[in-house]
Amino acid sequence: MKKVIIGHILNNKKEYIVITLMFIIGIFLGVFFVNNSGEEKMAEVTNYFSSSIENLKANNQVEKMSLLKNSIFSNLSLSIILWFLGTTIIGIPIVVGIIAYKGFCLGYTISISVFTLGKLKGTMFTIASLTLHNIIAIPALIAIGVSGYKLYKSIMKDKRKNNIKLEIIRHTTFSIIMLGALMISSIVEIFITTNLIQSIIKYL
């Protein structure tokens, strides 16, 4: 699996640069959106965020199996959507848009955390709550997007039926491998990230 992933990256450097750049742009847009939100909107969001933190402090018990099921279902659904859209010519812009939106959500969450909790506590919360599982999940999602982009370029270059069938099989196989990585990220999120949050929540 390691050889497949490394080979895929080396053979699709340009595509990885494009998709990763769109993700990074999404992060900056998320931060920009928060920084330019009106006072009323920011007050509403920060109050909701603060209430969530207080609820976590008051009730430190977490139904991990329920959260794990939700996380797995979310990652599975997203993987299937990205895979399917990647098999269609018109779906590639949507794939890129979804990945950019994931970046937007990450940038938005980071910015809200820092704005609400302050630089030190916000950074501490961000590292604990977003880092570990996203180290696995984000590259996996980007890789599925790149695989779909590669399929699109291959079909445009050679529209023979046999080539299309072969490329779809390759895209599907690679997407399944990345789905496995996303399942691992779900486990990390629930059983490691959740524990980290529970450990630091009393200091926030």
N, C-alpha and C. Protein backbone atom coordinates (compact mmCIF):
# COMPACT_ATOMS: atom_id res chain seq x y z
N MET A 1 0.83 -1.20 0.00
CA MET A 1 0.00 0.00 0.00
C MET A 1 0.87 1.26 0.00
N LYS A 2 1.98 1.18 0.76
CA LYS A 2 2.89 2.32 0.83
C LYS A 2 3.46 2.66 -0.55
N LYS A 3 3.84 1.62 -1.31
CA LYS A 3 4.38 1.82 -2.65
C LYS A 3 3.34 2.42 -3.59
N VAL A 4 2.11 1.96 -3.44
CA VAL A 4 1.02 2.48 -4.28
C VAL A 4 0.83 3.98 -4.03
N ILE A 5 0.80 4.37 -2.75
CA ILE A 5 0.57 5.77 -2.39
C ILE A 5 1.72 6.65 -2.85
N ILE A 6 2.97 6.21 -2.58
CA ILE A 6 4.15 6.99 -2.99
C ILE A 6 4.20 7.12 -4.50
N GLY A 7 3.93 6.00 -5.21
CA GLY A 7 3.92 6.04 -6.67
C GLY A 7 2.86 6.98 -7.21
N HIS A 8 1.71 6.98 -6.57
CA HIS A 8 0.61 7.86 -6.99
C HIS A 8 1.00 9.32 -6.83
N ILE A 9 1.66 9.64 -5.73
CA ILE A 9 2.09 11.03 -5.49
C ILE A 9 3.13 11.45 -6.52
N LEU A 10 4.13 10.60 -6.75
CA LEU A 10 5.21 10.93 -7.69
C LEU A 10 4.71 11.07 -9.12
N ASN A 11 3.71 10.27 -9.47
CA ASN A 11 3.20 10.30 -10.84
C ASN A 11 2.16 11.40 -11.07
N ASN A 12 1.74 12.05 -9.99
CA ASN A 12 0.70 13.08 -10.13
C ASN A 12 1.05 14.33 -9.33
N LYS A 13 2.31 14.76 -9.45
CA LYS A 13 2.77 15.91 -8.67
C LYS A 13 1.96 17.16 -8.96
N LYS A 14 1.73 17.45 -10.24
CA LYS A 14 1.00 18.66 -10.61
C LYS A 14 -0.42 18.65 -10.05
N GLU A 15 -1.07 17.49 -10.16
CA GLU A 15 -2.44 17.38 -9.66
C GLU A 15 -2.50 17.58 -8.15
N TYR A 16 -1.52 17.01 -7.45
CA TYR A 16 -1.48 17.17 -5.99
C TYR A 16 -1.25 18.64 -5.61
N ILE A 17 -0.43 19.32 -6.38
CA ILE A 17 -0.18 20.73 -6.11
C ILE A 17 -1.47 21.55 -6.28
N VAL A 18 -2.19 21.27 -7.38
CA VAL A 18 -3.43 22.00 -7.66
C VAL A 18 -4.48 21.77 -6.58
N ILE A 19 -4.72 20.49 -6.25
CA ILE A 19 -5.75 20.16 -5.27
C ILE A 19 -5.37 20.66 -3.88
N THR A 20 -4.10 20.51 -3.52
CA THR A 20 -3.64 20.98 -2.21
C THR A 20 -3.74 22.50 -2.12
N LEU A 21 -3.43 23.17 -3.21
CA LEU A 21 -3.54 24.63 -3.25
C LEU A 21 -4.98 25.07 -3.03
N MET A 22 -5.93 24.36 -3.63
CA MET A 22 -7.34 24.69 -3.43
C MET A 22 -7.75 24.48 -1.97
N PHE A 23 -7.21 23.46 -1.34
CA PHE A 23 -7.49 23.22 0.08
C PHE A 23 -6.95 24.36 0.93
N ILE A 24 -5.73 24.79 0.64
CA ILE A 24 -5.09 25.88 1.39
C ILE A 24 -5.86 27.18 1.18
N ILE A 25 -6.31 27.43 -0.06
CA ILE A 25 -7.13 28.61 -0.33
C ILE A 25 -8.40 28.57 0.52
N GLY A 26 -8.99 27.37 0.64
CA GLY A 26 -10.18 27.20 1.47
C GLY A 26 -9.92 27.57 2.92
N ILE A 27 -8.74 27.19 3.44
CA ILE A 27 -8.37 27.55 4.82
C ILE A 27 -8.31 29.06 4.98
N PHE A 28 -7.64 29.73 4.05
CA PHE A 28 -7.52 31.18 4.13
C PHE A 28 -8.88 31.87 4.02
N LEU A 29 -9.76 31.32 3.18
CA LEU A 29 -11.09 31.89 3.05
C LEU A 29 -11.88 31.74 4.36
N GLY A 30 -11.69 30.58 5.04
CA GLY A 30 -12.35 30.38 6.33
C GLY A 30 -11.89 31.39 7.36
N VAL A 31 -10.58 31.62 7.42
CA VAL A 31 -10.03 32.61 8.35
C VAL A 31 -10.51 34.01 7.97
N PHE A 32 -10.50 34.32 6.68
CA PHE A 32 -10.94 35.63 6.20
C PHE A 32 -12.40 35.87 6.53
N PHE A 33 -13.22 34.82 6.38
CA PHE A 33 -14.65 34.94 6.65
C PHE A 33 -14.89 35.31 8.10
N VAL A 34 -14.18 34.64 9.01
CA VAL A 34 -14.33 34.92 10.44
C VAL A 34 -13.88 36.34 10.76
N ASN A 35 -12.73 36.72 10.23
CA ASN A 35 -12.16 38.04 10.53
C ASN A 35 -13.00 39.19 9.99
N ASN A 36 -13.85 38.88 9.02
CA ASN A 36 -14.67 39.93 8.42
C ASN A 36 -16.16 39.77 8.71
N SER A 37 -16.47 38.92 9.69
CA SER A 37 -17.87 38.76 10.09
C SER A 37 -18.30 39.93 10.97
N GLY A 38 -19.57 40.25 10.93
CA GLY A 38 -20.09 41.34 11.74
C GLY A 38 -20.08 41.00 13.22
N GLU A 39 -20.15 42.00 14.06
CA GLU A 39 -20.11 41.82 15.52
C GLU A 39 -21.24 40.93 16.01
N GLU A 40 -22.43 41.11 15.47
CA GLU A 40 -23.58 40.32 15.91
C GLU A 40 -23.38 38.84 15.58
N LYS A 41 -22.91 38.57 14.38
CA LYS A 41 -22.67 37.19 13.95
C LYS A 41 -21.57 36.56 14.80
N MET A 42 -20.49 37.29 15.04
CA MET A 42 -19.37 36.78 15.82
C MET A 42 -19.80 36.50 17.26
N ALA A 43 -20.64 37.36 17.81
CA ALA A 43 -21.13 37.16 19.18
C ALA A 43 -21.95 35.89 19.26
N GLU A 44 -22.77 35.67 18.24
CA GLU A 44 -23.61 34.46 18.21
C GLU A 44 -22.75 33.20 18.13
N VAL A 45 -21.74 33.22 17.26
CA VAL A 45 -20.88 32.05 17.08
C VAL A 45 -20.03 31.78 18.31
N THR A 46 -19.42 32.84 18.85
CA THR A 46 -18.56 32.66 20.02
C THR A 46 -19.36 32.20 21.25
N ASN A 47 -20.59 32.68 21.38
CA ASN A 47 -21.44 32.23 22.49
C ASN A 47 -21.75 30.74 22.36
N TYR A 48 -22.03 30.32 21.14
CA TYR A 48 -22.30 28.90 20.90
C TYR A 48 -21.06 28.05 21.19
N PHE A 49 -19.90 28.54 20.75
CA PHE A 49 -18.65 27.82 20.96
C PHE A 49 -18.32 27.74 22.45
N SER A 50 -18.48 28.85 23.15
CA SER A 50 -18.21 28.88 24.59
C SER A 50 -19.15 27.96 25.35
N SER A 51 -20.42 27.92 24.94
CA SER A 51 -21.40 27.04 25.58
C SER A 51 -21.02 25.57 25.38
N SER A 52 -20.52 25.26 24.19
CA SER A 52 -20.09 23.89 23.91
C SER A 52 -18.92 23.49 24.80
N ILE A 53 -17.98 24.41 24.99
CA ILE A 53 -16.83 24.15 25.86
C ILE A 53 -17.30 23.93 27.30
N GLU A 54 -18.22 24.76 27.76
CA GLU A 54 -18.73 24.63 29.14
C GLU A 54 -19.49 23.32 29.32
N ASN A 55 -20.23 22.91 28.30
CA ASN A 55 -20.95 21.63 28.37
C ASN A 55 -19.98 20.46 28.47
N LEU A 56 -18.88 20.57 27.75
CA LEU A 56 -17.86 19.52 27.81
C LEU A 56 -17.22 19.45 29.20
N LYS A 57 -17.03 20.63 29.80
CA LYS A 57 -16.46 20.67 31.15
C LYS A 57 -17.42 20.06 32.16
N ALA A 58 -18.70 20.36 32.00
CA ALA A 58 -19.71 19.89 32.95
C ALA A 58 -19.99 18.40 32.78
N ASN A 59 -19.96 17.94 31.55
CA ASN A 59 -20.24 16.53 31.26
C ASN A 59 -19.09 15.95 30.45
N ASN A 60 -18.13 15.39 31.14
CA ASN A 60 -16.91 14.91 30.49
C ASN A 60 -17.06 13.48 29.96
N GLN A 61 -18.25 12.90 30.08
CA GLN A 61 -18.49 11.55 29.59
C GLN A 61 -18.89 11.62 28.11
N VAL A 62 -18.25 10.78 27.32
CA VAL A 62 -18.51 10.79 25.88
C VAL A 62 -18.89 9.39 25.42
N GLU A 63 -19.97 9.29 24.63
CA GLU A 63 -20.37 8.02 24.04
C GLU A 63 -19.50 7.76 22.82
N LYS A 64 -18.37 7.14 23.05
CA LYS A 64 -17.37 7.00 21.99
C LYS A 64 -17.83 6.11 20.84
N MET A 65 -18.54 5.05 21.13
CA MET A 65 -18.99 4.15 20.07
C MET A 65 -19.99 4.84 19.15
N SER A 66 -20.85 5.66 19.74
CA SER A 66 -21.81 6.42 18.94
C SER A 66 -21.09 7.43 18.06
N LEU A 67 -20.12 8.13 18.65
CA LEU A 67 -19.33 9.10 17.89
C LEU A 67 -18.53 8.41 16.79
N LEU A 68 -18.01 7.22 17.09
CA LEU A 68 -17.23 6.48 16.10
C LEU A 68 -18.10 6.10 14.90
N LYS A 69 -19.31 5.64 15.18
CA LYS A 69 -20.24 5.29 14.09
C LYS A 69 -20.53 6.51 13.23
N ASN A 70 -20.77 7.65 13.87
CA ASN A 70 -21.06 8.88 13.12
C ASN A 70 -19.87 9.32 12.28
N SER A 71 -18.67 9.21 12.86
CA SER A 71 -17.45 9.61 12.14
C SER A 71 -17.20 8.71 10.95
N ILE A 72 -17.35 7.41 11.15
CA ILE A 72 -17.15 6.45 10.06
C ILE A 72 -18.17 6.67 8.96
N PHE A 73 -19.43 6.88 9.35
CA PHE A 73 -20.48 7.11 8.36
C PHE A 73 -20.20 8.38 7.56
N SER A 74 -19.74 9.45 8.26
CA SER A 74 -19.44 10.70 7.60
C SER A 74 -18.30 10.54 6.59
N ASN A 75 -17.23 9.87 7.01
CA ASN A 75 -16.08 9.66 6.12
C ASN A 75 -16.44 8.73 4.97
N LEU A 76 -17.24 7.71 5.25
CA LEU A 76 -17.66 6.78 4.20
C LEU A 76 -18.51 7.50 3.16
N SER A 77 -19.46 8.31 3.62
CA SER A 77 -20.33 9.05 2.71
C SER A 77 -19.53 10.01 1.84
N LEU A 78 -18.60 10.74 2.47
CA LEU A 78 -17.78 11.70 1.74
C LEU A 78 -16.90 10.99 0.71
N SER A 79 -16.34 9.85 1.09
CA SER A 79 -15.49 9.09 0.17
C SER A 79 -16.28 8.62 -1.05
N ILE A 80 -17.49 8.11 -0.81
CA ILE A 80 -18.33 7.63 -1.91
C ILE A 80 -18.70 8.78 -2.85
N ILE A 81 -19.03 9.93 -2.26
CA ILE A 81 -19.39 11.10 -3.08
C ILE A 81 -18.19 11.53 -3.94
N LEU A 82 -17.01 11.63 -3.32
CA LEU A 82 -15.81 12.04 -4.06
C LEU A 82 -15.46 11.01 -5.13
N TRP A 83 -15.60 9.73 -4.79
CA TRP A 83 -15.31 8.67 -5.78
C TRP A 83 -16.27 8.77 -6.96
N PHE A 84 -17.55 8.88 -6.65
CA PHE A 84 -18.55 8.93 -7.72
C PHE A 84 -18.37 10.15 -8.61
N LEU A 85 -18.21 11.31 -8.00
CA LEU A 85 -18.01 12.53 -8.79
C LEU A 85 -16.74 12.46 -9.61
N GLY A 86 -15.73 11.75 -9.08
CA GLY A 86 -14.48 11.59 -9.80
C GLY A 86 -14.60 10.73 -11.05
N THR A 87 -15.66 9.91 -11.11
CA THR A 87 -15.87 9.06 -12.29
C THR A 87 -16.66 9.78 -13.37
N THR A 88 -17.10 10.99 -13.10
CA THR A 88 -17.87 11.76 -14.08
C THR A 88 -17.07 12.99 -14.50
N ILE A 89 -17.19 13.35 -15.74
CA ILE A 89 -16.45 14.50 -16.26
C ILE A 89 -16.92 15.80 -15.60
N ILE A 90 -18.22 15.95 -15.44
CA ILE A 90 -18.76 17.19 -14.89
C ILE A 90 -18.59 17.28 -13.38
N GLY A 91 -18.18 16.15 -12.74
CA GLY A 91 -18.09 16.15 -11.29
C GLY A 91 -16.79 16.68 -10.72
N ILE A 92 -15.75 16.83 -11.57
CA ILE A 92 -14.44 17.24 -11.08
C ILE A 92 -14.47 18.62 -10.40
N PRO A 93 -15.13 19.63 -10.99
CA PRO A 93 -15.19 20.93 -10.29
C PRO A 93 -15.86 20.82 -8.92
N ILE A 94 -16.84 19.92 -8.79
CA ILE A 94 -17.50 19.73 -7.51
C ILE A 94 -16.55 19.08 -6.51
N VAL A 95 -15.74 18.12 -6.99
CA VAL A 95 -14.73 17.48 -6.14
C VAL A 95 -13.78 18.52 -5.58
N VAL A 96 -13.28 19.38 -6.47
CA VAL A 96 -12.37 20.45 -6.05
C VAL A 96 -13.06 21.38 -5.07
N GLY A 97 -14.33 21.69 -5.33
CA GLY A 97 -15.10 22.56 -4.44
C GLY A 97 -15.29 21.95 -3.06
N ILE A 98 -15.53 20.64 -3.00
CA ILE A 98 -15.71 19.96 -1.72
C ILE A 98 -14.42 20.02 -0.90
N ILE A 99 -13.30 19.78 -1.56
CA ILE A 99 -12.01 19.81 -0.86
C ILE A 99 -11.69 21.23 -0.39
N ALA A 100 -12.00 22.22 -1.21
CA ALA A 100 -11.81 23.61 -0.80
C ALA A 100 -12.71 23.94 0.39
N TYR A 101 -13.92 23.39 0.38
CA TYR A 101 -14.86 23.62 1.49
C TYR A 101 -14.35 22.99 2.78
N LYS A 102 -13.73 21.81 2.68
CA LYS A 102 -13.13 21.18 3.86
C LYS A 102 -12.04 22.08 4.44
N GLY A 103 -11.26 22.70 3.55
CA GLY A 103 -10.26 23.65 3.99
C GLY A 103 -10.90 24.86 4.65
N PHE A 104 -11.99 25.34 4.07
CA PHE A 104 -12.73 26.47 4.64
C PHE A 104 -13.20 26.15 6.06
N CYS A 105 -13.76 24.96 6.25
CA CYS A 105 -14.26 24.56 7.57
C CYS A 105 -13.11 24.49 8.58
N LEU A 106 -11.96 23.99 8.14
CA LEU A 106 -10.81 23.90 9.03
C LEU A 106 -10.32 25.30 9.42
N GLY A 107 -10.19 26.18 8.44
CA GLY A 107 -9.77 27.55 8.72
C GLY A 107 -10.76 28.28 9.60
N TYR A 108 -12.04 28.06 9.36
CA TYR A 108 -13.10 28.68 10.15
C TYR A 108 -13.01 28.23 11.61
N THR A 109 -12.86 26.91 11.81
CA THR A 109 -12.80 26.36 13.16
C THR A 109 -11.58 26.86 13.92
N ILE A 110 -10.44 26.87 13.26
CA ILE A 110 -9.21 27.36 13.89
C ILE A 110 -9.37 28.82 14.31
N SER A 111 -9.90 29.63 13.39
CA SER A 111 -10.05 31.06 13.65
C SER A 111 -11.02 31.33 14.79
N ILE A 112 -12.15 30.60 14.81
CA ILE A 112 -13.14 30.76 15.88
C ILE A 112 -12.55 30.35 17.22
N SER A 113 -11.78 29.26 17.24
CA SER A 113 -11.16 28.78 18.48
C SER A 113 -10.22 29.82 19.06
N VAL A 114 -9.38 30.39 18.21
CA VAL A 114 -8.41 31.39 18.66
C VAL A 114 -9.13 32.67 19.09
N PHE A 115 -10.14 33.06 18.32
CA PHE A 115 -10.88 34.29 18.62
C PHE A 115 -11.61 34.18 19.96
N THR A 116 -12.20 33.00 20.23
CA THR A 116 -13.00 32.82 21.43
C THR A 116 -12.16 32.56 22.67
N LEU A 117 -11.14 31.71 22.54
CA LEU A 117 -10.35 31.28 23.70
C LEU A 117 -9.07 32.08 23.90
N GLY A 118 -8.70 32.89 22.90
CA GLY A 118 -7.43 33.59 22.98
C GLY A 118 -6.34 32.80 22.26
N LYS A 119 -5.23 33.43 21.99
CA LYS A 119 -4.18 32.80 21.18
C LYS A 119 -3.64 31.53 21.81
N LEU A 120 -3.28 31.59 23.10
CA LEU A 120 -2.65 30.44 23.76
C LEU A 120 -3.62 29.27 23.90
N LYS A 121 -4.76 29.53 24.53
CA LYS A 121 -5.74 28.47 24.75
C LYS A 121 -6.36 28.00 23.43
N GLY A 122 -6.59 28.94 22.52
CA GLY A 122 -7.16 28.59 21.23
C GLY A 122 -6.23 27.70 20.43
N THR A 123 -4.93 28.02 20.46
CA THR A 123 -3.95 27.19 19.77
C THR A 123 -3.86 25.81 20.41
N MET A 124 -3.88 25.78 21.74
CA MET A 124 -3.83 24.51 22.46
C MET A 124 -5.04 23.64 22.12
N PHE A 125 -6.22 24.25 22.09
CA PHE A 125 -7.44 23.52 21.74
C PHE A 125 -7.40 23.03 20.30
N THR A 126 -6.92 23.88 19.40
CA THR A 126 -6.85 23.52 17.99
C THR A 126 -5.92 22.33 17.77
N ILE A 127 -4.76 22.37 18.39
CA ILE A 127 -3.80 21.27 18.25
C ILE A 127 -4.38 19.96 18.77
N ALA A 128 -5.04 20.05 19.94
CA ALA A 128 -5.60 18.84 20.55
C ALA A 128 -6.77 18.28 19.76
N SER A 129 -7.63 19.15 19.23
CA SER A 129 -8.88 18.70 18.63
C SER A 129 -8.83 18.46 17.12
N LEU A 130 -7.84 19.04 16.45
CA LEU A 130 -7.85 18.96 14.99
C LEU A 130 -6.64 18.29 14.35
N THR A 131 -5.56 18.17 15.09
CA THR A 131 -4.31 17.79 14.44
C THR A 131 -4.21 16.32 14.07
N LEU A 132 -4.29 15.42 15.04
CA LEU A 132 -3.93 14.02 14.83
C LEU A 132 -4.74 13.32 13.73
N HIS A 133 -6.06 13.37 13.83
CA HIS A 133 -6.86 12.65 12.83
C HIS A 133 -6.83 13.33 11.46
N ASN A 134 -6.67 14.67 11.46
CA ASN A 134 -6.61 15.37 10.17
C ASN A 134 -5.29 15.14 9.43
N ILE A 135 -4.24 14.77 10.16
CA ILE A 135 -2.99 14.41 9.50
C ILE A 135 -3.20 13.23 8.57
N ILE A 136 -4.16 12.37 8.94
CA ILE A 136 -4.49 11.21 8.11
C ILE A 136 -5.61 11.54 7.14
N ALA A 137 -6.67 12.20 7.64
CA ALA A 137 -7.88 12.41 6.85
C ALA A 137 -7.68 13.36 5.67
N ILE A 138 -6.99 14.48 5.90
CA ILE A 138 -6.84 15.48 4.85
C ILE A 138 -6.05 14.96 3.65
N PRO A 139 -4.86 14.35 3.86
CA PRO A 139 -4.15 13.78 2.70
C PRO A 139 -4.96 12.71 1.98
N ALA A 140 -5.76 11.92 2.73
CA ALA A 140 -6.58 10.88 2.10
C ALA A 140 -7.65 11.50 1.20
N LEU A 141 -8.30 12.55 1.67
CA LEU A 141 -9.33 13.23 0.86
C LEU A 141 -8.72 13.89 -0.36
N ILE A 142 -7.58 14.53 -0.17
CA ILE A 142 -6.89 15.15 -1.30
C ILE A 142 -6.50 14.09 -2.32
N ALA A 143 -6.03 12.93 -1.84
CA ALA A 143 -5.62 11.85 -2.73
C ALA A 143 -6.79 11.33 -3.56
N ILE A 144 -7.97 11.20 -2.95
CA ILE A 144 -9.15 10.76 -3.71
C ILE A 144 -9.50 11.79 -4.78
N GLY A 145 -9.40 13.08 -4.41
CA GLY A 145 -9.64 14.15 -5.38
C GLY A 145 -8.66 14.10 -6.54
N VAL A 146 -7.40 13.87 -6.24
CA VAL A 146 -6.37 13.77 -7.27
C VAL A 146 -6.63 12.57 -8.17
N SER A 147 -7.04 11.46 -7.58
CA SER A 147 -7.33 10.26 -8.36
C SER A 147 -8.46 10.51 -9.35
N GLY A 148 -9.50 11.22 -8.90
CA GLY A 148 -10.60 11.57 -9.80
C GLY A 148 -10.14 12.52 -10.90
N TYR A 149 -9.28 13.46 -10.54
CA TYR A 149 -8.74 14.42 -11.51
C TYR A 149 -7.91 13.70 -12.56
N LYS A 150 -7.13 12.71 -12.10
CA LYS A 150 -6.32 11.91 -13.02
C LYS A 150 -7.21 11.11 -13.97
N LEU A 151 -8.29 10.55 -13.43
CA LEU A 151 -9.23 9.80 -14.26
C LEU A 151 -9.83 10.70 -15.34
N TYR A 152 -10.20 11.90 -14.95
CA TYR A 152 -10.76 12.87 -15.90
C TYR A 152 -9.78 13.16 -17.03
N LYS A 153 -8.51 13.42 -16.68
CA LYS A 153 -7.49 13.72 -17.69
C LYS A 153 -7.23 12.53 -18.59
N SER A 154 -7.26 11.33 -18.03
CA SER A 154 -7.02 10.12 -18.82
C SER A 154 -8.14 9.90 -19.83
N ILE A 155 -9.38 10.13 -19.39
CA ILE A 155 -10.52 9.96 -20.29
C ILE A 155 -10.49 11.00 -21.40
N MET A 156 -10.12 12.23 -21.08
CA MET A 156 -10.03 13.28 -22.09
C MET A 156 -8.92 12.99 -23.11
N LYS A 157 -7.87 12.33 -22.62
CA LYS A 157 -6.73 12.02 -23.49
C LYS A 157 -7.01 10.81 -24.37
N ASP A 158 -7.69 9.82 -23.82
CA ASP A 158 -7.96 8.58 -24.55
C ASP A 158 -9.35 8.09 -24.19
N LYS A 159 -10.30 8.27 -25.12
CA LYS A 159 -11.70 7.96 -24.86
C LYS A 159 -12.11 6.55 -25.27
N ARG A 160 -11.12 5.69 -25.50
CA ARG A 160 -11.45 4.31 -25.83
C ARG A 160 -12.09 3.61 -24.63
N LYS A 161 -13.04 2.74 -24.91
CA LYS A 161 -13.81 2.08 -23.85
C LYS A 161 -12.91 1.31 -22.90
N ASN A 162 -11.93 0.58 -23.42
CA ASN A 162 -11.04 -0.22 -22.58
C ASN A 162 -10.22 0.66 -21.64
N ASN A 163 -9.76 1.81 -22.15
CA ASN A 163 -8.98 2.73 -21.31
C ASN A 163 -9.83 3.30 -20.19
N ILE A 164 -11.06 3.69 -20.53
CA ILE A 164 -11.97 4.26 -19.52
C ILE A 164 -12.24 3.24 -18.42
N LYS A 165 -12.49 1.99 -18.82
CA LYS A 165 -12.78 0.93 -17.85
C LYS A 165 -11.58 0.71 -16.93
N LEU A 166 -10.38 0.66 -17.51
CA LEU A 166 -9.16 0.44 -16.73
C LEU A 166 -8.93 1.57 -15.73
N GLU A 167 -9.10 2.82 -16.19
CA GLU A 167 -8.87 3.96 -15.32
C GLU A 167 -9.88 4.04 -14.18
N ILE A 168 -11.13 3.65 -14.47
CA ILE A 168 -12.15 3.63 -13.42
C ILE A 168 -11.81 2.58 -12.36
N ILE A 169 -11.31 1.43 -12.81
CA ILE A 169 -10.89 0.38 -11.86
C ILE A 169 -9.75 0.89 -10.98
N ARG A 170 -8.78 1.57 -11.59
CA ARG A 170 -7.65 2.13 -10.83
C ARG A 170 -8.13 3.17 -9.82
N HIS A 171 -9.02 4.03 -10.28
CA HIS A 171 -9.57 5.08 -9.40
C HIS A 171 -10.33 4.45 -8.24
N THR A 172 -11.11 3.43 -8.53
CA THR A 172 -11.89 2.76 -7.49
C THR A 172 -10.99 2.06 -6.47
N THR A 173 -9.97 1.36 -6.97
CA THR A 173 -9.04 0.65 -6.08
C THR A 173 -8.31 1.63 -5.16
N PHE A 174 -7.83 2.72 -5.74
CA PHE A 174 -7.10 3.71 -4.95
C PHE A 174 -8.02 4.38 -3.94
N SER A 175 -9.25 4.65 -4.34
CA SER A 175 -10.22 5.28 -3.43
C SER A 175 -10.54 4.38 -2.24
N ILE A 176 -10.60 3.06 -2.48
CA ILE A 176 -10.85 2.11 -1.40
C ILE A 176 -9.69 2.12 -0.40
N ILE A 177 -8.45 2.21 -0.92
CA ILE A 177 -7.29 2.29 -0.05
C ILE A 177 -7.36 3.55 0.82
N MET A 178 -7.73 4.66 0.20
CA MET A 178 -7.85 5.92 0.95
C MET A 178 -9.01 5.87 1.94
N LEU A 179 -10.06 5.13 1.59
CA LEU A 179 -11.17 4.94 2.53
C LEU A 179 -10.67 4.23 3.79
N GLY A 180 -9.78 3.26 3.60
CA GLY A 180 -9.19 2.60 4.76
C GLY A 180 -8.45 3.58 5.65
N ALA A 181 -7.72 4.52 5.02
CA ALA A 181 -7.01 5.55 5.79
C ALA A 181 -8.01 6.43 6.55
N LEU A 182 -9.13 6.74 5.92
CA LEU A 182 -10.15 7.57 6.58
C LEU A 182 -10.79 6.84 7.75
N MET A 183 -10.94 5.52 7.64
CA MET A 183 -11.46 4.75 8.76
C MET A 183 -10.49 4.80 9.95
N ILE A 184 -9.20 4.74 9.63
CA ILE A 184 -8.18 4.86 10.68
C ILE A 184 -8.26 6.24 11.33
N SER A 185 -8.47 7.27 10.51
CA SER A 185 -8.58 8.64 11.05
C SER A 185 -9.77 8.77 11.98
N SER A 186 -10.86 8.05 11.69
CA SER A 186 -12.04 8.07 12.56
C SER A 186 -11.71 7.45 13.92
N ILE A 187 -10.97 6.35 13.90
CA ILE A 187 -10.57 5.69 15.15
C ILE A 187 -9.67 6.61 15.96
N VAL A 188 -8.71 7.25 15.28
CA VAL A 188 -7.81 8.19 15.95
C VAL A 188 -8.60 9.36 16.55
N GLU A 189 -9.54 9.86 15.78
CA GLU A 189 -10.34 11.01 16.23
C GLU A 189 -11.11 10.70 17.51
N ILE A 190 -11.73 9.53 17.56
CA ILE A 190 -12.60 9.20 18.69
C ILE A 190 -11.82 8.72 19.90
N PHE A 191 -10.81 7.89 19.69
CA PHE A 191 -10.15 7.26 20.83
C PHE A 191 -8.86 7.97 21.27
N ILE A 192 -8.33 8.86 20.44
CA ILE A 192 -7.13 9.61 20.85
C ILE A 192 -7.44 11.09 20.97
N THR A 193 -7.99 11.68 19.90
CA THR A 193 -8.30 13.10 19.93
C THR A 193 -9.30 13.44 21.04
N THR A 194 -10.33 12.62 21.19
CA THR A 194 -11.32 12.85 22.24
C THR A 194 -10.68 12.84 23.63
N ASN A 195 -9.75 11.91 23.84
CA ASN A 195 -9.05 11.85 25.13
C ASN A 195 -8.19 13.10 25.36
N LEU A 196 -7.57 13.59 24.30
CA LEU A 196 -6.77 14.81 24.42
C LEU A 196 -7.64 16.00 24.80
N ILE A 197 -8.80 16.10 24.15
CA ILE A 197 -9.72 17.19 24.45
C ILE A 197 -10.18 17.11 25.91
N GLN A 198 -10.50 15.90 26.36
CA GLN A 198 -10.94 15.72 27.74
C GLN A 198 -9.84 16.08 28.73
N SER A 199 -8.59 15.89 28.31
CA SER A 199 -7.46 16.19 29.19
C SER A 199 -7.21 17.68 29.34
N ILE A 200 -7.44 18.43 28.25
CA ILE A 200 -7.11 19.87 28.30
C ILE A 200 -8.32 20.75 28.57
N ILE A 201 -9.52 20.18 28.48
CA ILE A 201 -10.73 21.01 28.55
C ILE A 201 -10.83 21.77 29.88
N LYS A 202 -10.31 21.20 30.95
CA LYS A 202 -10.39 21.87 32.25
C LYS A 202 -9.50 23.11 32.34
N TYR A 203 -8.55 23.23 31.39
CA TYR A 203 -7.66 24.39 31.41
C TYR A 203 -8.18 25.53 30.53
N LEU A 204 -9.26 25.29 29.81
CA LEU A 204 -9.77 26.29 28.88
C LEU A 204 -10.74 27.26 29.56
